[in-house]
């Protein structure tokens, strides 16, 4: 294992011989360190960005619901015209 200089991440060198696998608890500790390193990279959106993203998602959902509803009505109409309404 070698430490990547710019990011400080632990990576394996491609030309290095395979090292002995660390024990179970060392692997858990490495995993937790890597999780915290990734969590430090997360950027929390501002309130304005959050409201904008929420609006975009809700708008997209409404448009998709309208498309599905329209297709459903179209298919019901086509089915009724092709097969007729039983009386």
Protein backbone atom coordinates (compact mmCIF):
# COMPACT_ATOMS: atom_id res chain seq x y z
CA UNK A 1 0.00 0.00 0.00
CA UNK A 2 1.14 3.49 -0.76
CA UNK A 3 -0.34 6.81 0.24
CA UNK A 4 -1.51 9.01 -2.63
CA UNK A 5 0.15 12.39 -2.12
CA UNK A 6 -2.50 14.91 -3.30
CA UNK A 7 -5.51 13.34 -1.63
CA UNK A 8 -3.92 11.37 1.20
CA UNK A 9 -5.81 8.22 0.20
CA UNK A 10 -4.39 4.75 0.63
CA UNK A 11 -4.04 2.91 -2.69
CA UNK A 12 -2.14 -0.14 -3.89
CA UNK A 13 0.79 0.27 -6.26
CA UNK A 14 0.43 -1.71 -9.46
CA UNK A 15 4.05 -2.99 -9.48
CA UNK A 16 4.18 -3.86 -5.77
CA UNK A 17 3.91 -7.49 -4.65
CA UNK A 18 0.67 -8.37 -2.91
CA UNK A 19 0.84 -7.66 0.79
CA UNK A 20 -0.68 -9.78 3.50
CA UNK A 21 -4.35 -9.01 4.02
CA UNK A 22 -4.89 -7.00 7.23
CA UNK A 23 -6.93 -8.60 9.98
CA UNK A 24 -10.68 -8.10 10.32
CA UNK A 25 -10.51 -5.18 12.77
CA UNK A 26 -7.83 -3.36 10.76
CA UNK A 27 -10.02 -3.61 7.67
CA UNK A 28 -12.99 -2.20 9.61
CA UNK A 29 -10.85 0.68 10.91
CA UNK A 30 -9.59 1.41 7.37
CA UNK A 31 -13.16 1.36 6.06
CA UNK A 32 -14.32 3.80 8.75
CA UNK A 33 -11.39 6.14 8.02
CA UNK A 34 -12.25 6.06 4.33
CA UNK A 35 -15.93 6.76 5.08
CA UNK A 36 -15.02 9.83 7.14
CA UNK A 37 -12.63 10.99 4.40
CA UNK A 38 -15.45 10.77 1.85
CA UNK A 39 -17.90 12.53 4.18
CA UNK A 40 -15.49 15.46 4.48
CA UNK A 41 -15.82 15.93 0.70
CA UNK A 42 -19.62 16.33 0.86
CA UNK A 43 -20.89 19.85 0.19
CA UNK A 44 -24.20 20.76 1.84
CA UNK A 45 -26.45 22.83 -0.44
CA UNK A 46 -27.62 26.27 0.65
CA UNK A 47 -31.27 26.85 1.47
CA UNK A 48 -31.82 28.54 -1.90
CA UNK A 49 -30.22 25.63 -3.78
CA UNK A 50 -32.23 23.11 -1.77
CA UNK A 51 -35.51 24.87 -2.59
CA UNK A 52 -34.54 25.07 -6.27
CA UNK A 53 -33.62 21.36 -6.42
CA UNK A 54 -36.84 20.42 -4.63
CA UNK A 55 -38.88 22.47 -7.10
CA UNK A 56 -37.17 20.83 -10.06
CA UNK A 57 -37.83 17.34 -8.67
CA UNK A 58 -41.48 18.10 -7.89
CA UNK A 59 -41.96 19.67 -11.34
CA UNK A 60 -40.45 16.62 -13.02
CA UNK A 61 -42.69 14.28 -11.02
CA UNK A 62 -45.80 16.28 -11.97
CA UNK A 63 -44.84 16.22 -15.67
CA UNK A 64 -44.20 12.46 -15.58
CA UNK A 65 -47.52 11.88 -13.80
CA UNK A 66 -49.31 13.89 -16.52
CA UNK A 67 -47.60 11.84 -19.26
CA UNK A 68 -48.52 8.53 -17.63
CA UNK A 69 -52.10 9.70 -17.02
CA UNK A 70 -52.40 10.86 -20.64
CA UNK A 71 -51.09 7.54 -21.96
CA UNK A 72 -53.49 5.67 -19.67
CA UNK A 73 -56.47 7.66 -20.95
CA UNK A 74 -55.30 7.16 -24.56
CA UNK A 75 -54.91 3.39 -24.15
CA UNK A 76 -58.34 3.08 -22.48
CA UNK A 77 -59.91 5.03 -25.36
CA UNK A 78 -58.13 2.91 -28.00
CA UNK A 79 -59.07 -0.32 -26.21
CA UNK A 80 -62.73 0.70 -25.94
CA UNK A 81 -62.88 1.64 -29.62
CA UNK A 82 -61.13 -1.50 -30.83
CA UNK A 83 -62.90 -4.06 -28.64
CA UNK A 84 -66.13 -2.19 -27.91
CA UNK A 85 -67.84 -1.69 -24.59
CA UNK A 86 -69.69 -4.83 -23.47
CA UNK A 87 -73.35 -4.23 -22.68
